[in-house]
């Protein structure tokens, strides 16, 4: 079965798997205009001065997306293959569901890019004036490309959560004590979340902002959505998965409790009538133990370590801001 069906422009361009040399070439092309600008205006301290280093923010964000896009989007087929043993439909129907869920109208993707560009316009304050020189035009254009790409990435990341949501609506044979087929969803969600967190951290390290930036609405207009996206994408995948596992556990618990109640009644009746109970005592013990295991079973496709890792990762960008300010004010 083909689990790698892709129907979005983002998947076929930015997130498309490519040879390493092509990725390196693309990264070089992305950085080239900015480096030319840096040389032309004499930014010799680009690696040591925060104000000069800020010019690298936009190309670094673009290059980062080009590098991680194929990696994180390549996990989608692994999730489908992991769920395949518990999905009770044939390969053709499964492929059709994946194709339909992953299909994104190109107009929506263009709109997402436009929203990113509009936010870039609000953040940057407009376009350069003719007297600003070609260097400003290049830097501003690179910044707009970054904003458009971020809007595109954010939209497609949220839209692609529909694939898992549609898969989990299919008929399934779920063992509430075996969540291994669903663990790939937790891993994928965590990788995507950390991809955003890594991008946020890079932007905060490279960006040119002072202590007053935290009171500037434009700072939060840029970073608030980027801070929220990792958590949003993570739980958009987790909530429907938890619902499926929780329903399977409740259904199994109801059946076990029914069997346990009937076994208890039969055991009591035989004891009262002085009849041999046979293996009823062992059956009751086994059913009671199974009920306990079901009560203790997790209905989330991740373990506490994954959740702690996510919480720690969300705190990384905030810690980065504080650490950078302490370093710049008290150490340098």
C-alpha atoms as a PDB file:
ATOM      1  CA  UNK A   1       0.000   0.000   0.000  1.00  0.00           C
ATOM      2  CA  UNK A   2       1.239   3.507  -0.833  1.00  0.00           C
ATOM      3  CA  UNK A   3       1.265   5.468   2.421  1.00  0.00           C
ATOM      4  CA  UNK A   4       3.245   8.371   1.080  1.00  0.00           C
ATOM      5  CA  UNK A   5       0.444  10.079  -0.827  1.00  0.00           C
ATOM      6  CA  UNK A   6       0.808  13.846  -0.756  1.00  0.00           C
ATOM      7  CA  UNK A   7      -1.624  16.393  -2.101  1.00  0.00           C
ATOM      8  CA  UNK A   8      -0.434  19.749  -0.751  1.00  0.00           C
ATOM      9  CA  UNK A   9       1.830  22.253  -2.452  1.00  0.00           C
ATOM     10  CA  UNK A  10       3.966  22.409   0.699  1.00  0.00           C
ATOM     11  CA  UNK A  11       4.563  18.652   0.615  1.00  0.00           C
ATOM     12  CA  UNK A  12       5.485  18.714  -3.058  1.00  0.00           C
ATOM     13  CA  UNK A  13       7.882  21.651  -2.741  1.00  0.00           C
ATOM     14  CA  UNK A  14       9.323  22.612   0.645  1.00  0.00           C
ATOM     15  CA  UNK A  15       8.853  19.221   2.359  1.00  0.00           C
ATOM     16  CA  UNK A  16       9.762  17.122  -0.653  1.00  0.00           C
ATOM     17  CA  UNK A  17      12.542  14.616  -0.051  1.00  0.00           C
ATOM     18  CA  UNK A  18      15.664  15.656  -1.907  1.00  0.00           C
ATOM     19  CA  UNK A  19      19.334  14.648  -2.148  1.00  0.00           C
ATOM     20  CA  UNK A  20      21.659  16.131   0.453  1.00  0.00           C
ATOM     21  CA  UNK A  21      23.581  18.140  -2.126  1.00  0.00           C
ATOM     22  CA  UNK A  22      20.353  19.800  -3.287  1.00  0.00           C
ATOM     23  CA  UNK A  23      19.514  20.815   0.284  1.00  0.00           C
ATOM     24  CA  UNK A  24      23.008  22.237   0.771  1.00  0.00           C
ATOM     25  CA  UNK A  25      22.693  24.164  -2.487  1.00  0.00           C
ATOM     26  CA  UNK A  26      19.312  25.570  -1.453  1.00  0.00           C
ATOM     27  CA  UNK A  27      20.679  26.675   1.920  1.00  0.00           C
ATOM     28  CA  UNK A  28      23.606  28.393   0.155  1.00  0.00           C
ATOM     29  CA  UNK A  29      21.209  30.194  -2.188  1.00  0.00           C
ATOM     30  CA  UNK A  30      19.105  31.327   0.770  1.00  0.00           C
ATOM     31  CA  UNK A  31      22.080  32.770   2.644  1.00  0.00           C
ATOM     32  CA  UNK A  32      23.843  34.280  -0.394  1.00  0.00           C
ATOM     33  CA  UNK A  33      21.805  37.530  -0.733  1.00  0.00           C
ATOM     34  CA  UNK A  34      22.095  38.246   2.995  1.00  0.00           C
ATOM     35  CA  UNK A  35      25.844  37.614   3.022  1.00  0.00           C
ATOM     36  CA  UNK A  36      26.275  39.904   0.025  1.00  0.00           C
ATOM     37  CA  UNK A  37      24.360  42.620   1.892  1.00  0.00           C
ATOM     38  CA  UNK A  38      26.489  42.081   5.009  1.00  0.00           C
ATOM     39  CA  UNK A  39      29.711  42.446   3.015  1.00  0.00           C
ATOM     40  CA  UNK A  40      28.477  45.507   1.113  1.00  0.00           C
ATOM     41  CA  UNK A  41      27.579  47.416   4.300  1.00  0.00           C
ATOM     42  CA  UNK A  42      30.691  46.279   6.185  1.00  0.00           C
ATOM     43  CA  UNK A  43      29.138  44.055   8.849  1.00  0.00           C
ATOM     44  CA  UNK A  44      32.409  42.471   9.920  1.00  0.00           C
ATOM     45  CA  UNK A  45      31.097  41.702  13.416  1.00  0.00           C
ATOM     46  CA  UNK A  46      28.135  39.684  12.198  1.00  0.00           C
ATOM     47  CA  UNK A  47      28.980  36.747  14.492  1.00  0.00           C
ATOM     48  CA  UNK A  48      29.692  38.769  17.652  1.00  0.00           C
ATOM     49  CA  UNK A  49      27.409  41.817  17.608  1.00  0.00           C
ATOM     50  CA  UNK A  50      23.705  41.061  18.273  1.00  0.00           C
ATOM     51  CA  UNK A  51      22.600  44.008  16.112  1.00  0.00           C
ATOM     52  CA  UNK A  52      24.670  42.803  13.175  1.00  0.00           C
ATOM     53  CA  UNK A  53      23.838  39.148  13.756  1.00  0.00           C
ATOM     54  CA  UNK A  54      20.119  39.870  13.506  1.00  0.00           C
ATOM     55  CA  UNK A  55      20.505  40.068   9.727  1.00  0.00           C
ATOM     56  CA  UNK A  56      20.897  36.261   9.759  1.00  0.00           C
ATOM     57  CA  UNK A  57      17.499  35.660  11.398  1.00  0.00           C
ATOM     58  CA  UNK A  58      15.384  35.480   8.236  1.00  0.00           C
ATOM     59  CA  UNK A  59      17.713  33.322   6.097  1.00  0.00           C
ATOM     60  CA  UNK A  60      18.360  31.006   9.052  1.00  0.00           C
ATOM     61  CA  UNK A  61      14.617  30.501   9.579  1.00  0.00           C
ATOM     62  CA  UNK A  62      14.119  29.788   5.861  1.00  0.00           C
ATOM     63  CA  UNK A  63      17.057  27.360   5.739  1.00  0.00           C
ATOM     64  CA  UNK A  64      15.830  25.653   8.910  1.00  0.00           C
ATOM     65  CA  UNK A  65      12.413  24.993   7.348  1.00  0.00           C
ATOM     66  CA  UNK A  66      14.010  23.660   4.163  1.00  0.00           C
ATOM     67  CA  UNK A  67      16.123  21.239   6.219  1.00  0.00           C
ATOM     68  CA  UNK A  68      13.523  19.962   8.682  1.00  0.00           C
ATOM     69  CA  UNK A  69      10.543  19.939   6.295  1.00  0.00           C
ATOM     70  CA  UNK A  70      11.365  16.625   4.588  1.00  0.00           C
ATOM     71  CA  UNK A  71      12.293  15.074   7.943  1.00  0.00           C
ATOM     72  CA  UNK A  72       9.126  15.802   9.896  1.00  0.00           C
ATOM     73  CA  UNK A  73       6.768  15.305   6.933  1.00  0.00           C
ATOM     74  CA  UNK A  74       8.427  11.965   6.232  1.00  0.00           C
ATOM     75  CA  UNK A  75       7.008  10.622   9.495  1.00  0.00           C
ATOM     76  CA  UNK A  76       3.426  10.641   8.167  1.00  0.00           C
ATOM     77  CA  UNK A  77       3.704   7.324   6.272  1.00  0.00           C
ATOM     78  CA  UNK A  78       5.259   5.721   9.383  1.00  0.00           C
ATOM     79  CA  UNK A  79       2.156   6.623  11.381  1.00  0.00           C
ATOM     80  CA  UNK A  80      -0.109   5.055   8.741  1.00  0.00           C
ATOM     81  CA  UNK A  81       1.983   1.871   8.678  1.00  0.00           C
ATOM     82  CA  UNK A  82       1.935   1.704  12.482  1.00  0.00           C
ATOM     83  CA  UNK A  83      -1.871   1.957  12.589  1.00  0.00           C
ATOM     84  CA  UNK A  84      -2.431  -0.420   9.661  1.00  0.00           C
ATOM     85  CA  UNK A  85      -2.656  -3.659  11.750  1.00  0.00           C
ATOM     86  CA  UNK A  86      -5.570  -2.320  13.826  1.00  0.00           C
ATOM     87  CA  UNK A  87      -7.540  -0.634  11.011  1.00  0.00           C
ATOM     88  CA  UNK A  88     -10.328  -2.854   9.675  1.00  0.00           C
ATOM     89  CA  UNK A  89     -10.532  -1.623   6.073  1.00  0.00           C
ATOM     90  CA  UNK A  90      -8.772  -2.780   2.934  1.00  0.00           C
ATOM     91  CA  UNK A  91      -5.716  -1.081   1.478  1.00  0.00           C
ATOM     92  CA  UNK A  92      -7.657   0.702  -1.252  1.00  0.00           C
ATOM     93  CA  UNK A  93     -10.063   2.298   1.222  1.00  0.00           C
ATOM     94  CA  UNK A  94      -7.225   3.259   3.540  1.00  0.00           C
ATOM     95  CA  UNK A  95      -5.305   4.886   0.684  1.00  0.00           C
ATOM     96  CA  UNK A  96      -8.434   6.799  -0.320  1.00  0.00           C
ATOM     97  CA  UNK A  97      -8.923   8.113   3.223  1.00  0.00           C
ATOM     98  CA  UNK A  98      -5.280   9.200   3.475  1.00  0.00           C
ATOM     99  CA  UNK A  99      -5.462  10.892   0.071  1.00  0.00           C
ATOM    100  CA  UNK A 100      -8.653  12.755   0.921  1.00  0.00           C
ATOM    101  CA  UNK A 101      -7.468  13.828   4.390  1.00  0.00           C
ATOM    102  CA  UNK A 102      -4.076  15.053   3.149  1.00  0.00           C
ATOM    103  CA  UNK A 103      -5.562  17.026   0.274  1.00  0.00           C
ATOM    104  CA  UNK A 104      -5.370  20.782   0.858  1.00  0.00           C
ATOM    105  CA  UNK A 105      -6.867  23.198  -1.711  1.00  0.00           C
ATOM    106  CA  UNK A 106      -4.031  25.310  -3.158  1.00  0.00           C
ATOM    107  CA  UNK A 107      -6.075  28.459  -2.544  1.00  0.00           C
ATOM    108  CA  UNK A 108      -5.950  27.781   1.206  1.00  0.00           C
ATOM    109  CA  UNK A 109      -2.177  27.464   1.102  1.00  0.00           C
ATOM    110  CA  UNK A 110      -1.872  30.705  -0.869  1.00  0.00           C
ATOM    111  CA  UNK A 111      -4.105  32.373   1.715  1.00  0.00           C
ATOM    112  CA  UNK A 112      -1.839  31.089   4.510  1.00  0.00           C
ATOM    113  CA  UNK A 113       1.184  32.585   2.753  1.00  0.00           C
ATOM    114  CA  UNK A 114      -0.721  35.861   2.365  1.00  0.00           C
ATOM    115  CA  UNK A 115      -1.534  35.916   6.080  1.00  0.00           C
ATOM    116  CA  UNK A 116       2.154  35.389   6.867  1.00  0.00           C
ATOM    117  CA  UNK A 117       3.108  38.232   4.549  1.00  0.00           C
ATOM    118  CA  UNK A 118       0.486  40.500   6.118  1.00  0.00           C
ATOM    119  CA  UNK A 119       1.838  39.777   9.598  1.00  0.00           C
ATOM    120  CA  UNK A 120       5.304  40.501   8.248  1.00  0.00           C
ATOM    121  CA  UNK A 121       4.036  43.843   6.983  1.00  0.00           C
ATOM    122  CA  UNK A 122       2.628  44.701  10.419  1.00  0.00           C
ATOM    123  CA  UNK A 123       5.824  43.657  12.166  1.00  0.00           C
ATOM    124  CA  UNK A 124       8.293  45.371   9.830  1.00  0.00           C
ATOM    125  CA  UNK A 125       6.198  48.494   9.397  1.00  0.00           C
ATOM    126  CA  UNK A 126       6.111  48.578   5.599  1.00  0.00           C
ATOM    127  CA  UNK A 127       8.483  48.534   2.678  1.00  0.00           C
ATOM    128  CA  UNK A 128      11.804  50.378   2.265  1.00  0.00           C
ATOM    129  CA  UNK A 129      11.988  53.843   0.748  1.00  0.00           C
ATOM    130  CA  UNK A 130      13.879  54.403  -2.521  1.00  0.00           C
ATOM    131  CA  UNK A 131      16.679  56.207  -0.688  1.00  0.00           C
ATOM    132  CA  UNK A 132      17.277  53.262   1.652  1.00  0.00           C
ATOM    133  CA  UNK A 133      19.362  51.428  -0.929  1.00  0.00           C
ATOM    134  CA  UNK A 134      19.225  47.984  -2.477  1.00  0.00           C
ATOM    135  CA  UNK A 135      20.582  46.358   0.677  1.00  0.00           C
ATOM    136  CA  UNK A 136      17.436  47.262   2.603  1.00  0.00           C
ATOM    137  CA  UNK A 137      15.274  45.904  -0.200  1.00  0.00           C
ATOM    138  CA  UNK A 138      17.114  42.577  -0.098  1.00  0.00           C
ATOM    139  CA  UNK A 139      16.884  42.299   3.686  1.00  0.00           C
ATOM    140  CA  UNK A 140      13.209  43.243   3.724  1.00  0.00           C
ATOM    141  CA  UNK A 141      12.372  40.809   0.933  1.00  0.00           C
ATOM    142  CA  UNK A 142      14.137  38.000   2.798  1.00  0.00           C
ATOM    143  CA  UNK A 143      12.132  38.851   5.902  1.00  0.00           C
ATOM    144  CA  UNK A 144       8.880  38.709   3.947  1.00  0.00           C
ATOM    145  CA  UNK A 145       9.838  35.327   2.481  1.00  0.00           C
ATOM    146  CA  UNK A 146      10.418  34.081   6.024  1.00  0.00           C
ATOM    147  CA  UNK A 147       7.032  35.360   7.226  1.00  0.00           C
ATOM    148  CA  UNK A 148       5.198  33.876   4.241  1.00  0.00           C
ATOM    149  CA  UNK A 149       6.949  30.562   4.728  1.00  0.00           C
ATOM    150  CA  UNK A 150       6.126  30.547   8.450  1.00  0.00           C
ATOM    151  CA  UNK A 151       2.457  31.190   7.705  1.00  0.00           C
ATOM    152  CA  UNK A 152       2.512  28.377   5.143  1.00  0.00           C
ATOM    153  CA  UNK A 153       4.252  25.990   7.540  1.00  0.00           C
ATOM    154  CA  UNK A 154       1.902  26.758  10.422  1.00  0.00           C
ATOM    155  CA  UNK A 155      -1.210  26.239   8.314  1.00  0.00           C
ATOM    156  CA  UNK A 156      -0.070  22.969   6.742  1.00  0.00           C
ATOM    157  CA  UNK A 157       1.092  21.634  10.119  1.00  0.00           C
ATOM    158  CA  UNK A 158      -2.383  22.155  11.557  1.00  0.00           C
ATOM    159  CA  UNK A 159      -4.137  20.969   8.385  1.00  0.00           C
ATOM    160  CA  UNK A 160      -2.132  17.734   8.307  1.00  0.00           C
ATOM    161  CA  UNK A 161      -3.493  16.738  11.717  1.00  0.00           C
ATOM    162  CA  UNK A 162      -6.666  15.855   9.782  1.00  0.00           C
ATOM    163  CA  UNK A 163      -4.957  12.725   8.482  1.00  0.00           C
ATOM    164  CA  UNK A 164      -4.717  11.183  11.938  1.00  0.00           C
ATOM    165  CA  UNK A 165      -8.202  12.408  12.821  1.00  0.00           C
ATOM    166  CA  UNK A 166      -9.669  10.709   9.719  1.00  0.00           C
ATOM    167  CA  UNK A 167      -7.708   7.496  10.307  1.00  0.00           C
ATOM    168  CA  UNK A 168      -8.977   7.247  13.857  1.00  0.00           C
ATOM    169  CA  UNK A 169     -12.577   7.418  12.647  1.00  0.00           C
ATOM    170  CA  UNK A 170     -12.155   4.194  10.669  1.00  0.00           C
ATOM    171  CA  UNK A 171     -13.291   0.857  12.129  1.00  0.00           C
ATOM    172  CA  UNK A 172     -10.551  -0.437  14.410  1.00  0.00           C
ATOM    173  CA  UNK A 173      -9.704  -3.407  16.580  1.00  0.00           C
ATOM    174  CA  UNK A 174      -8.116  -1.706  19.569  1.00  0.00           C
ATOM    175  CA  UNK A 175      -6.515  -3.538  22.469  1.00  0.00           C
ATOM    176  CA  UNK A 176      -6.575  -1.033  25.373  1.00  0.00           C
ATOM    177  CA  UNK A 177      -3.607  -2.811  26.950  1.00  0.00           C
ATOM    178  CA  UNK A 178      -1.497  -2.516  23.791  1.00  0.00           C
ATOM    179  CA  UNK A 179      -1.071   1.091  22.661  1.00  0.00           C
ATOM    180  CA  UNK A 180       2.061   0.359  20.622  1.00  0.00           C
ATOM    181  CA  UNK A 181       0.323   0.946  17.236  1.00  0.00           C
ATOM    182  CA  UNK A 182      -0.564   4.450  18.460  1.00  0.00           C
ATOM    183  CA  UNK A 183       2.832   5.398  19.854  1.00  0.00           C
ATOM    184  CA  UNK A 184       3.984   6.552  16.401  1.00  0.00           C
ATOM    185  CA  UNK A 185       1.406   9.341  16.671  1.00  0.00           C
ATOM    186  CA  UNK A 186       2.969  10.499  19.924  1.00  0.00           C
ATOM    187  CA  UNK A 187       6.471  10.394  18.439  1.00  0.00           C
ATOM    188  CA  UNK A 188       5.433  12.287  15.316  1.00  0.00           C
ATOM    189  CA  UNK A 189       3.630  14.934  17.341  1.00  0.00           C
ATOM    190  CA  UNK A 190       6.628  15.369  19.616  1.00  0.00           C
ATOM    191  CA  UNK A 191       9.059  15.700  16.681  1.00  0.00           C
ATOM    192  CA  UNK A 192       6.861  18.338  15.000  1.00  0.00           C
ATOM    193  CA  UNK A 193       6.503  20.221  18.281  1.00  0.00           C
ATOM    194  CA  UNK A 194      10.271  20.225  18.816  1.00  0.00           C
ATOM    195  CA  UNK A 195      10.859  21.333  15.244  1.00  0.00           C
ATOM    196  CA  UNK A 196       8.854  24.475  16.004  1.00  0.00           C
ATOM    197  CA  UNK A 197      10.569  24.898  19.353  1.00  0.00           C
ATOM    198  CA  UNK A 198      13.986  24.669  17.676  1.00  0.00           C
ATOM    199  CA  UNK A 199      12.989  27.319  15.140  1.00  0.00           C
ATOM    200  CA  UNK A 200      11.687  29.602  17.886  1.00  0.00           C
ATOM    201  CA  UNK A 201      14.901  29.234  19.844  1.00  0.00           C
ATOM    202  CA  UNK A 202      17.052  30.080  16.813  1.00  0.00           C
ATOM    203  CA  UNK A 203      14.965  33.179  16.092  1.00  0.00           C
ATOM    204  CA  UNK A 204      15.238  34.343  19.697  1.00  0.00           C
ATOM    205  CA  UNK A 205      18.994  33.804  19.720  1.00  0.00           C
ATOM    206  CA  UNK A 206      19.580  35.686  16.464  1.00  0.00           C
ATOM    207  CA  UNK A 207      16.925  38.384  16.657  1.00  0.00           C
ATOM    208  CA  UNK A 208      17.784  41.980  17.533  1.00  0.00           C
ATOM    209  CA  UNK A 209      15.606  42.988  20.467  1.00  0.00           C
ATOM    210  CA  UNK A 210      16.101  44.633  23.825  1.00  0.00           C
ATOM    211  CA  UNK A 211      14.288  44.497  27.114  1.00  0.00           C
ATOM    212  CA  UNK A 212      11.645  46.864  25.731  1.00  0.00           C
ATOM    213  CA  UNK A 213      10.723  44.308  23.059  1.00  0.00           C
ATOM    214  CA  UNK A 214       8.692  42.303  25.570  1.00  0.00           C
ATOM    215  CA  UNK A 215       6.345  45.285  25.862  1.00  0.00           C
ATOM    216  CA  UNK A 216       6.138  45.735  22.082  1.00  0.00           C
ATOM    217  CA  UNK A 217       2.970  44.170  20.572  1.00  0.00           C
ATOM    218  CA  UNK A 218       4.905  43.405  17.377  1.00  0.00           C
ATOM    219  CA  UNK A 219       7.217  41.061  19.307  1.00  0.00           C
ATOM    220  CA  UNK A 220       4.259  39.005  20.529  1.00  0.00           C
ATOM    221  CA  UNK A 221       2.525  39.259  17.165  1.00  0.00           C
ATOM    222  CA  UNK A 222       5.512  37.421  15.759  1.00  0.00           C
ATOM    223  CA  UNK A 223       6.327  34.952  18.509  1.00  0.00           C
ATOM    224  CA  UNK A 224       3.026  34.218  20.294  1.00  0.00           C
ATOM    225  CA  UNK A 225       1.666  32.079  17.400  1.00  0.00           C
ATOM    226  CA  UNK A 226       5.041  30.334  17.115  1.00  0.00           C
ATOM    227  CA  UNK A 227       5.003  29.568  20.862  1.00  0.00           C
ATOM    228  CA  UNK A 228       1.447  28.184  20.677  1.00  0.00           C
ATOM    229  CA  UNK A 229       1.845  26.099  17.502  1.00  0.00           C
ATOM    230  CA  UNK A 230       3.928  23.258  19.054  1.00  0.00           C
ATOM    231  CA  UNK A 231       1.370  22.653  21.790  1.00  0.00           C
ATOM    232  CA  UNK A 232      -1.558  23.057  19.386  1.00  0.00           C
ATOM    233  CA  UNK A 233      -0.199  20.553  16.846  1.00  0.00           C
ATOM    234  CA  UNK A 234       0.749  18.107  19.604  1.00  0.00           C
ATOM    235  CA  UNK A 235      -2.696  18.007  21.165  1.00  0.00           C
ATOM    236  CA  UNK A 236      -4.634  18.165  17.887  1.00  0.00           C
ATOM    237  CA  UNK A 237      -3.108  14.745  17.238  1.00  0.00           C
ATOM    238  CA  UNK A 238      -3.343  13.546  20.825  1.00  0.00           C
ATOM    239  CA  UNK A 239      -6.985  14.349  21.621  1.00  0.00           C
ATOM    240  CA  UNK A 240      -8.622  12.117  18.960  1.00  0.00           C
ATOM    241  CA  UNK A 241      -6.110   9.371  19.758  1.00  0.00           C
ATOM    242  CA  UNK A 242      -6.947   9.583  23.450  1.00  0.00           C
ATOM    243  CA  UNK A 243     -10.651   9.434  22.603  1.00  0.00           C
ATOM    244  CA  UNK A 244     -10.220   6.185  20.647  1.00  0.00           C
ATOM    245  CA  UNK A 245      -8.125   4.535  23.359  1.00  0.00           C
ATOM    246  CA  UNK A 246     -10.443   5.751  26.098  1.00  0.00           C
ATOM    247  CA  UNK A 247     -13.529   4.409  24.333  1.00  0.00           C
ATOM    248  CA  UNK A 248     -11.821   1.050  23.767  1.00  0.00           C
ATOM    249  CA  UNK A 249     -10.893   0.872  27.450  1.00  0.00           C
ATOM    250  CA  UNK A 250     -14.433   1.782  28.586  1.00  0.00           C
ATOM    251  CA  UNK A 251     -15.954  -0.826  26.264  1.00  0.00           C
ATOM    252  CA  UNK A 252     -13.570  -3.514  27.498  1.00  0.00           C
ATOM    253  CA  UNK A 253     -14.152  -2.538  31.122  1.00  0.00           C
ATOM    254  CA  UNK A 254     -17.917  -2.790  30.670  1.00  0.00           C
ATOM    255  CA  UNK A 255     -17.573  -6.297  29.211  1.00  0.00           C
ATOM    256  CA  UNK A 256     -15.153  -7.447  31.923  1.00  0.00           C
ATOM    257  CA  UNK A 257     -17.309  -6.044  34.705  1.00  0.00           C
ATOM    258  CA  UNK A 258     -20.331  -7.812  33.229  1.00  0.00           C
ATOM    259  CA  UNK A 259     -18.434 -11.095  33.159  1.00  0.00           C
ATOM    260  CA  UNK A 260     -17.062 -10.480  36.644  1.00  0.00           C
ATOM    261  CA  UNK A 261     -20.516  -9.735  38.038  1.00  0.00           C
ATOM    262  CA  UNK A 262     -21.960 -12.894  36.459  1.00  0.00           C
ATOM    263  CA  UNK A 263     -19.047 -15.010  37.763  1.00  0.00           C
ATOM    264  CA  UNK A 264     -19.465 -13.562  41.237  1.00  0.00           C
ATOM    265  CA  UNK A 265     -23.188 -14.314  41.243  1.00  0.00           C
ATOM    266  CA  UNK A 266     -22.660 -17.879  40.025  1.00  0.00           C
ATOM    267  CA  UNK A 267     -19.888 -18.443  42.566  1.00  0.00           C
ATOM    268  CA  UNK A 268     -22.102 -17.171  45.390  1.00  0.00           C
ATOM    269  CA  UNK A 269     -25.098 -19.260  44.300  1.00  0.00           C
ATOM    270  CA  UNK A 270     -23.024 -22.461  44.146  1.00  0.00           C
ATOM    271  CA  UNK A 271     -21.481 -21.804  47.525  1.00  0.00           C
ATOM    272  CA  UNK A 272     -24.892 -21.195  49.072  1.00  0.00           C
ATOM    273  CA  UNK A 273     -26.272 -24.363  47.455  1.00  0.00           C
ATOM    274  CA  UNK A 274     -23.268 -26.387  48.608  1.00  0.00           C
ATOM    275  CA  UNK A 275     -22.358 -27.253  45.017  1.00  0.00           C
ATOM    276  CA  UNK A 276     -18.751 -27.538  43.759  1.00  0.00           C
ATOM    277  CA  UNK A 277     -17.454 -24.224  42.401  1.00  0.00           C
ATOM    278  CA  UNK A 278     -14.913 -25.721  40.001  1.00  0.00           C
ATOM    279  CA  UNK A 279     -12.642 -23.100  38.515  1.00  0.00           C
ATOM    280  CA  UNK A 280     -14.984 -20.194  39.265  1.00  0.00           C
ATOM    281  CA  UNK A 281     -12.667 -18.781  41.948  1.00  0.00           C
ATOM    282  CA  UNK A 282      -9.762 -18.693  39.504  1.00  0.00           C
ATOM    283  CA  UNK A 283     -12.000 -17.115  36.870  1.00  0.00           C
ATOM    284  CA  UNK A 284     -13.078 -14.398  39.294  1.00  0.00           C
ATOM    285  CA  UNK A 285      -9.467 -13.691  40.263  1.00  0.00           C
ATOM    286  CA  UNK A 286      -8.418 -13.505  36.623  1.00  0.00           C
ATOM    287  CA  UNK A 287     -11.287 -11.175  35.728  1.00  0.00           C
ATOM    288  CA  UNK A 288     -10.545  -8.964  38.736  1.00  0.00           C
ATOM    289  CA  UNK A 289      -6.868  -8.751  37.760  1.00  0.00           C
ATOM    290  CA  UNK A 290      -7.814  -7.888  34.173  1.00  0.00           C
ATOM    291  CA  UNK A 291     -10.161  -5.178  35.432  1.00  0.00           C
ATOM    292  CA  UNK A 292      -7.346  -3.692  37.497  1.00  0.00           C
ATOM    293  CA  UNK A 293      -4.989  -3.669  34.502  1.00  0.00           C
ATOM    294  CA  UNK A 294      -7.644  -1.913  32.409  1.00  0.00           C
ATOM    295  CA  UNK A 295      -8.182   0.705  35.110  1.00  0.00           C
ATOM    296  CA  UNK A 296      -4.442   1.391  35.199  1.00  0.00           C
ATOM    297  CA  UNK A 297      -3.983   1.405  31.409  1.00  0.00           C
ATOM    298  CA  UNK A 298      -3.071   4.746  29.859  1.00  0.00           C
ATOM    299  CA  UNK A 299      -5.391   6.223  27.264  1.00  0.00           C
ATOM    300  CA  UNK A 300      -2.713   8.598  25.945  1.00  0.00           C
ATOM    301  CA  UNK A 301      -0.217   7.389  23.303  1.00  0.00           C
ATOM    302  CA  UNK A 302       2.804   8.678  25.161  1.00  0.00           C
ATOM    303  CA  UNK A 303       4.534   8.085  28.449  1.00  0.00           C
ATOM    304  CA  UNK A 304       5.272  10.642  31.200  1.00  0.00           C
ATOM    305  CA  UNK A 305       8.809  11.093  29.864  1.00  0.00           C
ATOM    306  CA  UNK A 306       7.466  12.356  26.528  1.00  0.00           C
ATOM    307  CA  UNK A 307       5.143  14.813  28.262  1.00  0.00           C
ATOM    308  CA  UNK A 308       7.962  16.091  30.475  1.00  0.00           C
ATOM    309  CA  UNK A 309      10.122  16.507  27.376  1.00  0.00           C
ATOM    310  CA  UNK A 310       7.402  18.556  25.670  1.00  0.00           C
ATOM    311  CA  UNK A 311       6.934  20.811  28.694  1.00  0.00           C
ATOM    312  CA  UNK A 312      10.693  21.301  28.965  1.00  0.00           C
ATOM    313  CA  UNK A 313      10.875  22.079  25.250  1.00  0.00           C
ATOM    314  CA  UNK A 314       8.140  24.713  25.485  1.00  0.00           C
ATOM    315  CA  UNK A 315      10.102  26.404  28.272  1.00  0.00           C
ATOM    316  CA  UNK A 316      13.325  26.486  26.205  1.00  0.00           C
ATOM    317  CA  UNK A 317      12.445  29.609  24.149  1.00  0.00           C
ATOM    318  CA  UNK A 318      11.375  31.496  27.286  1.00  0.00           C
ATOM    319  CA  UNK A 319      14.587  30.495  29.039  1.00  0.00           C
ATOM    320  CA  UNK A 320      16.517  31.585  25.947  1.00  0.00           C
ATOM    321  CA  UNK A 321      15.065  35.096  26.150  1.00  0.00           C
ATOM    322  CA  UNK A 322      15.929  35.442  29.840  1.00  0.00           C
ATOM    323  CA  UNK A 323      19.407  33.946  29.476  1.00  0.00           C
ATOM    324  CA  UNK A 324      20.244  36.176  26.536  1.00  0.00           C
ATOM    325  CA  UNK A 325      19.158  39.307  28.391  1.00  0.00           C
ATOM    326  CA  UNK A 326      21.196  38.331  31.470  1.00  0.00           C
ATOM    327  CA  UNK A 327      24.253  37.663  29.298  1.00  0.00           C
ATOM    328  CA  UNK A 328      23.978  40.934  27.383  1.00  0.00           C
ATOM    329  CA  UNK A 329      23.261  43.132  30.421  1.00  0.00           C
ATOM    330  CA  UNK A 330      25.371  41.626  33.211  1.00  0.00           C
ATOM    331  CA  UNK A 331      28.129  39.568  31.598  1.00  0.00           C
ATOM    332  CA  UNK A 332      29.193  41.288  28.406  1.00  0.00           C
END
